Amino acid sequence: MRHRRLAVPPRTAYAAWVIYKEANWISAAVWVVLLFCFGSAATCAYIVKKLFEVAPTGPSQDALDLLFIRQGNLSQRKCSYVIIGRIVFSILGIFMAAVVTYTVITDGLPFRKELLTPWMAATLIDFYINIFAISVWVAHKESSWISTAIWIVLLICFGSITTCGYIVLQLFQVSYQDPIYHVLLNSHSKKI
């Protein structure tokens, strides 16, 4: 389809999380293929699977922290996934901004009747389900409901560009020497 919206960066973000989360490369590879082939359906299936595996270790442990991080061995790796993540998601965000800008310049805005097809509806539903899943993480990470709302509006409006930008900002808030799971965790309490 000529006008189908690219959804590679959100799926890439999920793929990075799956690769981090999974204990072995075979299951990680299977889930990554499913994510790219089946989009939000595979995303939801993976999250539900992981929610059934969450086992709190104590009353002070945040359930979402347990969902986001890998259980078991959380040791430091030889390479810095923080730096790799900064580079990869910066490149993806810039790429998506360039693709969207080029498409708007050469083809115009997407609000035309001929683009309202069943595939466009399926793409939009897939997109917004993925945005919902990313929004849960953003709400978990942000220190206030105002910043959470702003980020979610930006996710809805700019999709992949905002997803990549948010991930890069989170990666710059941790040291390159920190374990990558520090990016996933909430370090603040919500302010009303």
C-alpha atoms as a PDB file:
ATOM      1  CA  MET A   1       0.000   0.000   0.000  1.00  0.00           C
ATOM      2  CA  ARG A   2       1.486   3.312  -1.066  1.00  0.00           C
ATOM      3  CA  HIS A   3       0.364   5.446   1.877  1.00  0.00           C
ATOM      4  CA  ARG A   4       0.820   2.991   4.741  1.00  0.00           C
ATOM      5  CA  ARG A   5       2.420   4.622   7.757  1.00  0.00           C
ATOM      6  CA  LEU A   6       5.787   3.239   8.841  1.00  0.00           C
ATOM      7  CA  ALA A   7       5.656   1.786  12.347  1.00  0.00           C
ATOM      8  CA  VAL A   8       9.201   0.475  12.590  1.00  0.00           C
ATOM      9  CA  PRO A   9      10.516   2.472  15.593  1.00  0.00           C
ATOM     10  CA  PRO A  10       7.753   1.469  18.086  1.00  0.00           C
ATOM     11  CA  ARG A  11       8.173  -2.145  17.034  1.00  0.00           C
ATOM     12  CA  THR A  12      11.941  -1.693  17.312  1.00  0.00           C
ATOM     13  CA  ALA A  13      11.452  -0.385  20.855  1.00  0.00           C
ATOM     14  CA  TYR A  14       9.374  -3.447  21.710  1.00  0.00           C
ATOM     15  CA  ALA A  15      11.938  -5.692  20.016  1.00  0.00           C
ATOM     16  CA  ALA A  16      14.740  -4.152  22.101  1.00  0.00           C
ATOM     17  CA  TRP A  17      12.712  -4.770  25.278  1.00  0.00           C
ATOM     18  CA  VAL A  18      11.949  -8.368  24.237  1.00  0.00           C
ATOM     19  CA  ILE A  19      15.618  -9.067  23.489  1.00  0.00           C
ATOM     20  CA  TYR A  20      16.533  -7.639  26.895  1.00  0.00           C
ATOM     21  CA  LYS A  21      13.687  -9.499  28.678  1.00  0.00           C
ATOM     22  CA  GLU A  22      14.103 -12.961  27.174  1.00  0.00           C
ATOM     23  CA  ALA A  23      16.533 -15.394  28.765  1.00  0.00           C
ATOM     24  CA  ASN A  24      17.666 -16.959  25.478  1.00  0.00           C
ATOM     25  CA  TRP A  25      18.202 -15.765  21.918  1.00  0.00           C
ATOM     26  CA  ILE A  26      15.874 -18.316  20.328  1.00  0.00           C
ATOM     27  CA  SER A  27      12.754 -17.184  22.198  1.00  0.00           C
ATOM     28  CA  ALA A  28      13.800 -13.558  21.713  1.00  0.00           C
ATOM     29  CA  ALA A  29      14.134 -14.105  17.946  1.00  0.00           C
ATOM     30  CA  VAL A  30      10.731 -15.820  17.731  1.00  0.00           C
ATOM     31  CA  TRP A  31       9.030 -12.979  19.623  1.00  0.00           C
ATOM     32  CA  VAL A  32      10.775 -10.290  17.543  1.00  0.00           C
ATOM     33  CA  VAL A  33       9.568 -11.933  14.316  1.00  0.00           C
ATOM     34  CA  LEU A  34       6.048 -12.132  15.754  1.00  0.00           C
ATOM     35  CA  LEU A  35       6.208  -8.443  16.762  1.00  0.00           C
ATOM     36  CA  PHE A  36       7.185  -7.341  13.273  1.00  0.00           C
ATOM     37  CA  CYS A  37       4.684  -9.636  11.535  1.00  0.00           C
ATOM     38  CA  PHE A  38       1.653  -9.213  13.780  1.00  0.00           C
ATOM     39  CA  GLY A  39       2.204  -5.787  15.391  1.00  0.00           C
ATOM     40  CA  SER A  40       0.041  -4.903  18.347  1.00  0.00           C
ATOM     41  CA  ALA A  41      -1.511  -8.381  18.559  1.00  0.00           C
ATOM     42  CA  ALA A  42       1.924  -9.858  19.302  1.00  0.00           C
ATOM     43  CA  THR A  43       2.761  -6.934  21.589  1.00  0.00           C
ATOM     44  CA  CYS A  44      -0.356  -7.561  23.664  1.00  0.00           C
ATOM     45  CA  ALA A  45       0.262 -11.329  23.723  1.00  0.00           C
ATOM     46  CA  TYR A  46       3.834 -10.797  24.931  1.00  0.00           C
ATOM     47  CA  ILE A  47       2.781  -8.348  27.653  1.00  0.00           C
ATOM     48  CA  VAL A  48       0.019 -10.681  28.881  1.00  0.00           C
ATOM     49  CA  LYS A  49       2.490 -13.592  28.913  1.00  0.00           C
ATOM     50  CA  LYS A  50       4.946 -11.532  30.956  1.00  0.00           C
ATOM     51  CA  LEU A  51       2.215 -10.322  33.333  1.00  0.00           C
ATOM     52  CA  PHE A  52       1.429 -13.955  34.163  1.00  0.00           C
ATOM     53  CA  GLU A  53       5.121 -14.489  34.962  1.00  0.00           C
ATOM     54  CA  VAL A  54       5.395 -11.519  37.358  1.00  0.00           C
ATOM     55  CA  ALA A  55       6.015 -12.711  40.899  1.00  0.00           C
ATOM     56  CA  PRO A  56       6.467  -9.937  43.485  1.00  0.00           C
ATOM     57  CA  THR A  57       9.536 -10.373  45.663  1.00  0.00           C
ATOM     58  CA  GLY A  58       8.280  -8.154  48.445  1.00  0.00           C
ATOM     59  CA  PRO A  59       5.604  -5.644  49.414  1.00  0.00           C
ATOM     60  CA  SER A  60       7.742  -2.675  48.334  1.00  0.00           C
ATOM     61  CA  GLN A  61       8.415  -4.028  44.840  1.00  0.00           C
ATOM     62  CA  ASP A  62       6.517  -2.155  42.079  1.00  0.00           C
ATOM     63  CA  ALA A  63       4.616  -4.614  39.850  1.00  0.00           C
ATOM     64  CA  LEU A  64       5.400  -2.611  36.695  1.00  0.00           C
ATOM     65  CA  ASP A  65       9.102  -2.637  37.568  1.00  0.00           C
ATOM     66  CA  LEU A  66       8.841  -6.425  37.686  1.00  0.00           C
ATOM     67  CA  LEU A  67       7.136  -6.422  34.281  1.00  0.00           C
ATOM     68  CA  PHE A  68       9.732  -4.157  32.670  1.00  0.00           C
ATOM     69  CA  ILE A  69      12.964  -5.670  33.993  1.00  0.00           C
ATOM     70  CA  ARG A  70      14.383  -9.123  33.495  1.00  0.00           C
ATOM     71  CA  GLN A  71      14.017 -11.348  36.535  1.00  0.00           C
ATOM     72  CA  GLY A  72      17.060 -13.252  37.685  1.00  0.00           C
ATOM     73  CA  ASN A  73      20.577 -12.291  36.649  1.00  0.00           C
ATOM     74  CA  LEU A  74      20.770  -8.517  36.103  1.00  0.00           C
ATOM     75  CA  SER A  75      24.561  -8.343  35.937  1.00  0.00           C
ATOM     76  CA  GLN A  76      26.483  -5.708  33.986  1.00  0.00           C
ATOM     77  CA  ARG A  77      27.298  -6.643  30.382  1.00  0.00           C
ATOM     78  CA  LYS A  78      30.634  -6.085  28.632  1.00  0.00           C
ATOM     79  CA  CYS A  79      29.230  -3.498  26.196  1.00  0.00           C
ATOM     80  CA  SER A  80      27.170  -0.447  27.093  1.00  0.00           C
ATOM     81  CA  TYR A  81      23.596  -0.989  25.941  1.00  0.00           C
ATOM     82  CA  VAL A  82      22.861   2.568  27.059  1.00  0.00           C
ATOM     83  CA  ILE A  83      25.220   4.029  24.442  1.00  0.00           C
ATOM     84  CA  ILE A  84      24.030   1.580  21.773  1.00  0.00           C
ATOM     85  CA  GLY A  85      20.423   2.527  22.574  1.00  0.00           C
ATOM     86  CA  ARG A  86      21.192   6.245  22.384  1.00  0.00           C
ATOM     87  CA  ILE A  87      22.702   5.820  18.931  1.00  0.00           C
ATOM     88  CA  VAL A  88      20.078   3.437  17.511  1.00  0.00           C
ATOM     89  CA  PHE A  89      17.010   5.355  18.717  1.00  0.00           C
ATOM     90  CA  SER A  90      18.514   8.721  17.736  1.00  0.00           C
ATOM     91  CA  ILE A  91      19.055   7.416  14.206  1.00  0.00           C
ATOM     92  CA  LEU A  92      15.547   5.907  14.060  1.00  0.00           C
ATOM     93  CA  GLY A  93      13.930   9.132  15.314  1.00  0.00           C
ATOM     94  CA  ILE A  94      15.804  11.263  12.788  1.00  0.00           C
ATOM     95  CA  PHE A  95      14.946   8.770  10.024  1.00  0.00           C
ATOM     96  CA  MET A  96      11.224   8.866  10.879  1.00  0.00           C
ATOM     97  CA  ALA A  97      11.224  12.679  11.051  1.00  0.00           C
ATOM     98  CA  ALA A  98      12.857  12.758   7.598  1.00  0.00           C
ATOM     99  CA  VAL A  99      10.389  10.211   6.147  1.00  0.00           C
ATOM    100  CA  VAL A 100       7.349  12.077   7.500  1.00  0.00           C
ATOM    101  CA  THR A 101       8.688  15.451   6.327  1.00  0.00           C
ATOM    102  CA  TYR A 102       9.504  14.095   2.854  1.00  0.00           C
ATOM    103  CA  THR A 103       6.082  12.439   2.551  1.00  0.00           C
ATOM    104  CA  VAL A 104       4.214  15.601   3.560  1.00  0.00           C
ATOM    105  CA  ILE A 105       6.268  17.686   1.107  1.00  0.00           C
ATOM    106  CA  THR A 106       5.901  15.275  -1.827  1.00  0.00           C
ATOM    107  CA  ASP A 107       2.426  13.822  -1.220  1.00  0.00           C
ATOM    108  CA  GLY A 108       0.678  16.252   1.101  1.00  0.00           C
ATOM    109  CA  LEU A 109      -1.171  15.581   4.316  1.00  0.00           C
ATOM    110  CA  PRO A 110      -2.809  12.160   4.817  1.00  0.00           C
ATOM    111  CA  PHE A 111      -6.323  13.519   5.455  1.00  0.00           C
ATOM    112  CA  ARG A 112      -7.846  12.587   2.094  1.00  0.00           C
ATOM    113  CA  LYS A 113     -10.841  10.407   1.313  1.00  0.00           C
ATOM    114  CA  GLU A 114      -8.948   8.044  -1.026  1.00  0.00           C
ATOM    115  CA  LEU A 115      -6.684   7.047   1.864  1.00  0.00           C
ATOM    116  CA  LEU A 116      -9.560   5.886   4.069  1.00  0.00           C
ATOM    117  CA  THR A 117      -9.329   2.185   3.272  1.00  0.00           C
ATOM    118  CA  PRO A 118      -9.717  -0.909   5.462  1.00  0.00           C
ATOM    119  CA  TRP A 119      -5.921  -1.240   5.569  1.00  0.00           C
ATOM    120  CA  MET A 120      -5.601   2.316   6.849  1.00  0.00           C
ATOM    121  CA  ALA A 121      -8.115   1.536   9.592  1.00  0.00           C
ATOM    122  CA  ALA A 122      -6.171  -1.621  10.528  1.00  0.00           C
ATOM    123  CA  THR A 123      -2.902   0.319  10.535  1.00  0.00           C
ATOM    124  CA  LEU A 124      -4.346   3.038  12.760  1.00  0.00           C
ATOM    125  CA  ILE A 125      -5.816   0.535  15.221  1.00  0.00           C
ATOM    126  CA  ASP A 126      -2.455  -1.262  15.366  1.00  0.00           C
ATOM    127  CA  PHE A 127      -0.679   2.071  15.861  1.00  0.00           C
ATOM    128  CA  TYR A 128      -2.908   3.243  18.710  1.00  0.00           C
ATOM    129  CA  ILE A 129      -2.747  -0.076  20.552  1.00  0.00           C
ATOM    130  CA  ASN A 130       1.052   0.177  20.418  1.00  0.00           C
ATOM    131  CA  ILE A 131       0.841   3.804  21.584  1.00  0.00           C
ATOM    132  CA  PHE A 132      -1.282   2.673  24.545  1.00  0.00           C
ATOM    133  CA  ALA A 133       1.391   0.139  25.569  1.00  0.00           C
ATOM    134  CA  ILE A 134       4.150   2.759  25.308  1.00  0.00           C
ATOM    135  CA  SER A 135       1.944   5.229  27.221  1.00  0.00           C
ATOM    136  CA  VAL A 136       1.776   2.814  30.163  1.00  0.00           C
ATOM    137  CA  TRP A 137       5.571   2.887  30.355  1.00  0.00           C
ATOM    138  CA  VAL A 138       5.625   6.690  30.009  1.00  0.00           C
ATOM    139  CA  ALA A 139       3.042   7.038  32.796  1.00  0.00           C
ATOM    140  CA  HIS A 140       5.183   4.729  34.949  1.00  0.00           C
ATOM    141  CA  LYS A 141       8.336   6.762  34.265  1.00  0.00           C
ATOM    142  CA  GLU A 142       7.126  10.345  34.492  1.00  0.00           C
ATOM    143  CA  SER A 143       7.154  12.233  37.787  1.00  0.00           C
ATOM    144  CA  SER A 144       3.920  14.164  37.256  1.00  0.00           C
ATOM    145  CA  TRP A 145       0.599  13.651  35.545  1.00  0.00           C
ATOM    146  CA  ILE A 146       1.096  16.859  33.540  1.00  0.00           C
ATOM    147  CA  SER A 147       4.328  15.647  31.945  1.00  0.00           C
ATOM    148  CA  THR A 148       2.702  12.241  31.407  1.00  0.00           C
ATOM    149  CA  ALA A 149      -0.231  13.859  29.582  1.00  0.00           C
ATOM    150  CA  ILE A 150       2.089  15.986  27.424  1.00  0.00           C
ATOM    151  CA  TRP A 151       4.156  12.968  26.411  1.00  0.00           C
ATOM    152  CA  ILE A 152       1.066  10.902  25.608  1.00  0.00           C
ATOM    153  CA  VAL A 153      -0.339  13.702  23.422  1.00  0.00           C
ATOM    154  CA  LEU A 154       3.022  13.887  21.635  1.00  0.00           C
ATOM    155  CA  LEU A 155       2.990  10.095  21.171  1.00  0.00           C
ATOM    156  CA  ILE A 156      -0.495  10.253  19.668  1.00  0.00           C
ATOM    157  CA  CYS A 157       0.400  13.149  17.360  1.00  0.00           C
ATOM    158  CA  PHE A 158       3.909  12.184  16.265  1.00  0.00           C
ATOM    159  CA  GLY A 159       4.115   8.429  16.943  1.00  0.00           C
ATOM    160  CA  SER A 160       7.519   6.977  16.127  1.00  0.00           C
ATOM    161  CA  ILE A 161       9.335  10.299  16.272  1.00  0.00           C
ATOM    162  CA  THR A 162       8.166  10.900  19.858  1.00  0.00           C
ATOM    163  CA  THR A 163       8.776   7.266  20.822  1.00  0.00           C
ATOM    164  CA  CYS A 164      12.397   7.492  19.719  1.00  0.00           C
ATOM    165  CA  GLY A 165      12.856  10.924  21.273  1.00  0.00           C
ATOM    166  CA  TYR A 166      11.460   9.760  24.611  1.00  0.00           C
ATOM    167  CA  ILE A 167      13.674   6.676  24.655  1.00  0.00           C
ATOM    168  CA  VAL A 168      16.764   8.748  23.816  1.00  0.00           C
ATOM    169  CA  LEU A 169      15.919  11.243  26.591  1.00  0.00           C
ATOM    170  CA  GLN A 170      15.547   8.365  29.056  1.00  0.00           C
ATOM    171  CA  LEU A 171      18.864   6.908  27.903  1.00  0.00           C
ATOM    172  CA  PHE A 172      20.592  10.260  28.506  1.00  0.00           C
ATOM    173  CA  GLN A 173      19.240  10.339  32.073  1.00  0.00           C
ATOM    174  CA  VAL A 174      21.289   7.282  33.012  1.00  0.00           C
ATOM    175  CA  SER A 175      25.036   6.847  32.974  1.00  0.00           C
ATOM    176  CA  TYR A 176      26.539   4.739  30.209  1.00  0.00           C
ATOM    177  CA  GLN A 177      27.935   2.571  33.005  1.00  0.00           C
ATOM    178  CA  ASP A 178      24.466   1.839  34.432  1.00  0.00           C
ATOM    179  CA  PRO A 179      22.669  -1.380  33.570  1.00  0.00           C
ATOM    180  CA  ILE A 180      20.146  -0.837  30.778  1.00  0.00           C
ATOM    181  CA  TYR A 181      17.194  -1.761  32.993  1.00  0.00           C
ATOM    182  CA  HIS A 182      17.570   1.598  34.801  1.00  0.00           C
ATOM    183  CA  VAL A 183      15.947   3.147  31.716  1.00  0.00           C
ATOM    184  CA  LEU A 184      12.805   1.095  32.264  1.00  0.00           C
ATOM    185  CA  LEU A 185      12.214   1.801  35.941  1.00  0.00           C
ATOM    186  CA  ASN A 186      10.265   4.511  37.743  1.00  0.00           C
ATOM    187  CA  SER A 187      12.444   6.614  40.019  1.00  0.00           C
ATOM    188  CA  HIS A 188       9.751   9.132  41.002  1.00  0.00           C
ATOM    189  CA  SER A 189       6.391   9.125  42.704  1.00  0.00           C
ATOM    190  CA  LYS A 190       3.405  10.689  40.951  1.00  0.00           C
ATOM    191  CA  LYS A 191       2.487  14.216  41.996  1.00  0.00           C
ATOM    192  CA  ILE A 192      -1.147  15.252  41.834  1.00  0.00           C
END
